Amino acid sequence: MEKKLILTAETGSDLTPELAQEYGIYLVPMHVTMGEDCLDDGAFPAQAVCAYYDRTGKVPKTSACNPEDFTKTFDELHAAYPDAHILHLAYSAATTCSYQNAGIAGANRDYVTRLDTKQVSTAQGLVAIRLALKLREQPELSVEEAVQYAKEMAAAIHMCFIPKNLDYLRAGGRVSNVVALTGNLLGLHPCIETINGELVVSKKYRGSFHRVIPKLLAEFTEKHHLSRESIHFIRTPGLSAELQALAEDRARALGFQKIIWRDSGCVITCHGGAGAFGIVGRTAGKR
């Protein structure tokens, strides 16, 4: 079937190449700088971020897709599908300039539309997957209808994550040495939530991850009235199998029918560090 609408998203959506291919979503690379090397996100495993931190005590720098990245993707897709419209489902504009750069690249291309999903990581990827499934069911959807559906999905999806400790936030300059030291000693874990596109500390939990994860899951589920149909968990490298099993057991106890694990990409790993845990769910009744 000839493509009418093509979806693109940044690699920061944490869609694997296999998932992107399965749902027909084209990925535009964000970038990670480690020392003198600027690399495409997705071209290497997130474990490399942790290895770099362990070796240097520094967190790699992340950067947005630049206009040239988008130009290359848009031109290649237009050459392959000249009659199709491209809808870019952007990583939150409040956190990076990818959305703006997509606008620069698409300025003279009337076959390109962009949407700020106000989501990041797996939550952004889930918006793209839900729209891809909708297009399979209703391939005749107009660009305007697709944009409206994506907006509704983005508003219904909620994401949070908690770092195992504050070391990466300290090394990245997001908290002071004193705050990091005190927080680690007290066992504080900030819950970082995506709210109106911004990454916001919505609550601080105290104690071991064995205590924090069940409490976070129960409270986040209730706060956003999450659908029990499915839930996505995010793990950065180093989250133990024991903690993963604990999260799954608690999710089943709360009535979740399907549990899906997503491995974080390099961007979220740079924020959360090794052993971080995240949740992505959808408000009940929103399809």
Protein backbone atom coordinates (compact mmCIF):
# COMPACT_ATOMS: atom_id res chain seq x y z
CA MET A 1 0.00 0.00 0.00
CA GLU A 2 1.26 3.46 -0.89
CA LYS A 3 2.21 5.52 2.15
CA LYS A 4 -0.01 8.53 2.76
CA LEU A 5 1.47 9.69 6.07
CA ILE A 6 4.98 8.97 7.33
CA LEU A 7 5.91 9.30 11.00
CA THR A 8 9.30 10.42 12.28
CA ALA A 9 10.68 10.86 15.80
CA GLU A 10 14.04 11.41 17.46
CA THR A 11 16.16 8.52 18.70
CA GLY A 12 15.53 10.02 22.17
CA SER A 13 12.10 8.36 21.92
CA ASP A 14 13.98 5.17 22.86
CA LEU A 15 12.38 3.21 20.07
CA THR A 16 14.74 0.42 19.09
CA PRO A 17 15.46 -0.01 15.36
CA GLU A 18 13.33 -3.17 15.50
CA LEU A 19 10.33 -1.35 17.02
CA ALA A 20 10.73 1.55 14.60
CA GLN A 21 10.72 -0.85 11.66
CA GLU A 22 7.76 -2.79 13.02
CA TYR A 23 5.62 0.34 13.28
CA GLY A 24 7.02 2.18 10.27
CA ILE A 25 8.51 5.05 12.26
CA TYR A 26 11.66 6.74 10.97
CA LEU A 27 14.22 7.87 13.54
CA VAL A 28 16.32 11.04 13.43
CA PRO A 29 19.52 10.86 15.51
CA MET A 30 20.12 12.99 18.57
CA HIS A 31 23.76 13.24 19.66
CA VAL A 32 25.95 12.32 22.61
CA THR A 33 29.39 13.79 23.22
CA MET A 34 31.93 11.83 25.23
CA GLY A 35 35.22 13.66 25.46
CA GLU A 36 36.24 14.63 21.93
CA ASP A 37 33.80 12.27 20.26
CA CYS A 38 30.31 13.35 19.16
CA LEU A 39 28.27 10.24 18.38
CA ASP A 40 24.79 9.55 17.06
CA ASP A 41 22.41 8.44 19.80
CA GLY A 42 21.33 4.90 19.07
CA ALA A 43 24.58 4.01 17.34
CA PHE A 44 26.04 2.56 20.54
CA PRO A 45 24.61 0.98 23.72
CA ALA A 46 23.61 3.00 26.78
CA GLN A 47 26.11 0.95 28.78
CA ALA A 48 28.80 3.09 27.13
CA VAL A 49 27.42 6.13 28.97
CA CYS A 50 27.84 4.37 32.30
CA ALA A 51 31.32 3.12 31.37
CA TYR A 52 32.37 6.65 30.43
CA TYR A 53 31.12 7.99 33.77
CA ASP A 54 32.88 5.21 35.69
CA ARG A 55 36.10 5.98 33.84
CA THR A 56 36.05 9.79 33.97
CA GLY A 57 33.54 10.83 36.63
CA LYS A 58 31.84 12.93 33.95
CA VAL A 59 28.42 12.61 32.35
CA PRO A 60 28.36 12.75 28.53
CA LYS A 61 26.73 15.80 26.96
CA THR A 62 23.53 15.29 24.99
CA SER A 63 22.39 17.49 22.12
CA ALA A 64 19.41 17.79 19.82
CA CYS A 65 19.03 16.70 16.24
CA ASN A 66 20.38 19.58 14.15
CA PRO A 67 18.66 21.01 11.06
CA GLU A 68 20.97 18.98 8.82
CA ASP A 69 19.83 15.74 10.46
CA PHE A 70 16.22 16.60 9.69
CA THR A 71 17.00 17.82 6.18
CA LYS A 72 18.70 14.52 5.37
CA THR A 73 15.79 12.47 6.73
CA PHE A 74 13.07 14.59 5.12
CA ASP A 75 14.82 14.61 1.73
CA GLU A 76 15.39 10.84 1.76
CA LEU A 77 11.78 10.12 2.71
CA HIS A 78 10.40 12.56 0.15
CA ALA A 79 12.52 10.98 -2.59
CA ALA A 80 11.25 7.52 -1.66
CA TYR A 81 7.62 8.58 -1.09
CA PRO A 82 7.03 11.79 -3.08
CA ASP A 83 3.25 11.80 -2.53
CA ALA A 84 3.38 11.19 1.24
CA HIS A 85 3.18 13.74 4.03
CA ILE A 86 5.73 13.59 6.87
CA LEU A 87 4.55 14.11 10.46
CA HIS A 88 7.38 14.62 12.93
CA LEU A 89 6.43 13.71 16.50
CA ALA A 90 9.00 15.75 18.39
CA TYR A 91 10.83 15.25 21.67
CA SER A 92 9.58 17.83 24.15
CA ALA A 93 10.49 21.34 22.99
CA ALA A 94 10.91 22.45 26.62
CA THR A 95 13.93 20.17 27.00
CA THR A 96 15.74 20.40 23.66
CA CYS A 97 15.76 22.40 20.42
CA SER A 98 14.96 19.43 18.15
CA TYR A 99 11.41 20.70 17.59
CA GLN A 100 12.75 24.09 16.51
CA ASN A 101 15.36 22.48 14.26
CA ALA A 102 12.70 20.32 12.61
CA GLY A 103 10.87 23.57 11.85
CA ILE A 104 13.97 25.06 10.27
CA ALA A 105 14.46 22.00 8.07
CA GLY A 106 10.78 21.87 7.16
CA ALA A 107 10.33 25.58 6.49
CA ASN A 108 10.24 25.26 2.70
CA ARG A 109 8.76 21.79 2.61
CA ASP A 110 4.96 21.85 2.50
CA TYR A 111 4.94 18.07 2.92
CA VAL A 112 6.30 18.29 6.50
CA THR A 113 4.30 18.92 9.70
CA ARG A 114 5.75 18.86 13.21
CA LEU A 115 4.10 18.32 16.58
CA ASP A 116 5.61 18.93 20.00
CA THR A 117 4.55 15.79 21.90
CA LYS A 118 5.69 17.37 25.19
CA GLN A 119 7.01 13.91 26.00
CA VAL A 120 10.45 12.30 26.14
CA SER A 121 11.95 8.82 26.05
CA THR A 122 9.51 5.89 26.10
CA ALA A 123 6.53 8.23 26.54
CA GLN A 124 7.34 9.97 23.25
CA GLY A 125 7.88 6.59 21.61
CA LEU A 126 4.51 5.39 22.89
CA VAL A 127 2.76 8.38 21.30
CA ALA A 128 4.35 7.43 17.98
CA ILE A 129 3.40 3.76 18.33
CA ARG A 130 -0.21 4.56 19.24
CA LEU A 131 -0.55 6.81 16.20
CA ALA A 132 1.07 4.20 13.96
CA LEU A 133 -1.49 1.64 15.15
CA LYS A 134 -4.30 4.15 14.56
CA LEU A 135 -3.08 4.68 11.00
CA ARG A 136 -3.11 0.94 10.40
CA GLU A 137 -6.75 0.86 11.46
CA GLN A 138 -7.68 4.06 9.62
CA PRO A 139 -5.15 4.70 6.83
CA GLU A 140 -7.43 7.35 5.37
CA LEU A 141 -6.83 9.72 8.31
CA SER A 142 -5.97 13.25 7.27
CA VAL A 143 -2.88 15.01 8.58
CA GLU A 144 -5.10 17.18 10.77
CA GLU A 145 -6.88 14.14 12.23
CA ALA A 146 -3.57 12.40 12.87
CA VAL A 147 -2.19 15.46 14.64
CA GLN A 148 -5.30 15.71 16.81
CA TYR A 149 -5.10 12.03 17.77
CA ALA A 150 -1.40 12.37 18.62
CA LYS A 151 -2.17 15.40 20.81
CA GLU A 152 -4.83 13.45 22.68
CA MET A 153 -2.47 10.51 23.18
CA ALA A 154 0.36 12.76 24.34
CA ALA A 155 -1.95 14.35 26.91
CA ALA A 156 -3.11 10.94 28.18
CA ILE A 157 0.37 9.44 28.60
CA HIS A 158 2.35 10.03 31.79
CA MET A 159 5.98 9.32 32.59
CA CYS A 160 8.29 9.50 35.57
CA PHE A 161 11.66 8.09 36.55
CA ILE A 162 13.80 7.93 39.67
CA PRO A 163 17.59 7.71 39.82
CA LYS A 164 19.18 5.12 42.08
CA ASN A 165 21.42 7.87 43.46
CA LEU A 166 22.25 11.51 42.73
CA ASP A 167 25.74 10.95 41.31
CA TYR A 168 24.85 11.58 37.66
CA LEU A 169 22.73 14.62 38.51
CA ARG A 170 25.68 16.00 40.47
CA ALA A 171 28.23 15.27 37.74
CA GLY A 172 25.93 16.85 35.17
CA GLY A 173 25.64 20.02 37.25
CA ARG A 174 21.95 19.56 37.98
CA VAL A 175 22.44 19.37 41.75
CA SER A 176 25.30 20.61 43.94
CA ASN A 177 27.92 18.40 45.56
CA VAL A 178 26.40 19.11 48.97
CA VAL A 179 22.87 18.22 47.85
CA ALA A 180 24.13 15.02 46.20
CA LEU A 181 26.15 13.96 49.23
CA THR A 182 23.31 14.69 51.64
CA GLY A 183 20.75 13.05 49.38
CA ASN A 184 22.82 9.89 48.98
CA LEU A 185 23.43 9.65 52.73
CA LEU A 186 19.72 10.04 53.46
CA GLY A 187 18.68 7.73 50.64
CA LEU A 188 16.71 10.41 48.77
CA HIS A 189 15.36 9.64 45.31
CA PRO A 190 13.74 12.51 43.38
CA CYS A 191 10.79 11.46 41.22
CA ILE A 192 11.34 13.27 37.92
CA GLU A 193 8.09 13.60 36.01
CA THR A 194 7.23 15.03 32.61
CA ILE A 195 4.73 17.84 33.26
CA ASN A 196 3.68 20.12 30.39
CA GLY A 197 6.80 19.04 28.54
CA GLU A 198 9.22 19.87 31.34
CA LEU A 199 11.17 17.47 33.53
CA VAL A 200 10.04 18.38 37.04
CA VAL A 201 10.85 16.91 40.45
CA SER A 202 7.30 16.11 41.56
CA LYS A 203 8.18 14.31 44.79
CA LYS A 204 11.14 13.00 46.78
CA TYR A 205 11.18 9.46 48.10
CA ARG A 206 13.38 8.23 50.91
CA GLY A 207 14.74 4.76 51.54
CA SER A 208 16.05 1.82 49.57
CA PHE A 209 14.84 1.13 46.03
CA HIS A 210 13.11 -1.98 47.43
CA ARG A 211 10.86 0.34 49.43
CA VAL A 212 10.65 3.19 46.93
CA ILE A 213 9.65 1.33 43.75
CA PRO A 214 6.41 -0.23 45.12
CA LYS A 215 5.38 3.06 46.71
CA LEU A 216 6.13 5.08 43.57
CA LEU A 217 4.21 2.64 41.37
CA ALA A 218 1.13 2.68 43.60
CA GLU A 219 1.08 6.48 43.96
CA PHE A 220 1.81 7.21 40.27
CA THR A 221 -0.91 4.78 39.20
CA GLU A 222 -3.47 6.42 41.47
CA LYS A 223 -2.40 9.98 40.68
CA HIS A 224 -2.92 9.56 36.94
CA HIS A 225 -5.70 6.92 37.03
CA LEU A 226 -3.60 4.67 34.81
CA SER A 227 -5.28 2.11 32.61
CA ARG A 228 -4.64 -1.41 33.89
CA GLU A 229 -4.49 -2.69 30.31
CA SER A 230 -0.72 -2.24 30.17
CA ILE A 231 2.19 -0.44 31.76
CA HIS A 232 5.69 0.31 30.49
CA PHE A 233 8.71 0.17 32.76
CA ILE A 234 11.98 1.88 31.87
CA ARG A 235 15.34 0.57 33.04
CA THR A 236 18.77 2.07 32.63
CA PRO A 237 21.79 -0.25 32.64
CA GLY A 238 22.38 -1.74 36.06
CA LEU A 239 18.82 -2.06 37.37
CA SER A 240 18.96 -5.42 39.13
CA ALA A 241 16.85 -8.42 38.15
CA GLU A 242 15.59 -8.51 41.73
CA LEU A 243 14.21 -4.97 41.49
CA GLN A 244 12.68 -5.70 38.10
CA ALA A 245 10.88 -8.73 39.53
CA LEU A 246 9.70 -6.61 42.47
CA ALA A 247 8.24 -3.99 40.09
CA GLU A 248 6.48 -6.69 38.07
CA ASP A 249 5.00 -8.32 41.17
CA ARG A 250 3.70 -4.98 42.43
CA ALA A 251 2.24 -4.12 39.01
CA ARG A 252 0.36 -7.42 38.87
CA ALA A 253 -0.94 -6.83 42.39
CA LEU A 254 -2.29 -3.47 41.20
CA GLY A 255 -4.11 -5.23 38.35
CA PHE A 256 -1.93 -4.44 35.33
CA GLN A 257 -2.57 -7.04 32.64
CA LYS A 258 0.53 -6.46 30.50
CA ILE A 259 3.98 -5.33 31.60
CA ILE A 260 6.41 -4.06 28.97
CA TRP A 261 10.06 -3.28 29.71
CA ARG A 262 11.91 -0.66 27.67
CA ASP A 263 15.65 -0.17 27.85
CA SER A 264 16.56 3.49 28.12
CA GLY A 265 18.63 5.09 25.45
CA CYS A 266 21.68 7.24 26.02
CA VAL A 267 19.78 10.50 26.59
CA ILE A 268 17.74 9.35 29.60
CA THR A 269 20.70 7.34 30.90
CA CYS A 270 22.72 10.58 30.99
CA HIS A 271 20.03 12.09 33.25
CA GLY A 272 19.09 9.13 35.41
CA GLY A 273 22.39 7.28 35.59
CA ALA A 274 22.96 3.59 36.13
CA GLY A 275 20.22 1.56 37.79
CA ALA A 276 17.40 4.09 37.31
CA PHE A 277 13.75 3.03 37.07
CA GLY A 278 10.89 4.65 35.18
CA ILE A 279 7.15 4.27 34.58
CA VAL A 280 5.04 5.14 31.55
CA GLY A 281 1.29 4.66 31.58
CA ARG A 282 -1.90 5.90 29.96
CA THR A 283 -4.90 7.41 31.70
CA ALA A 284 -7.79 4.93 31.76
CA GLY A 285 -10.41 5.46 29.07
CA LYS A 286 -8.05 7.26 26.69
CA ARG A 287 -7.52 5.39 23.44
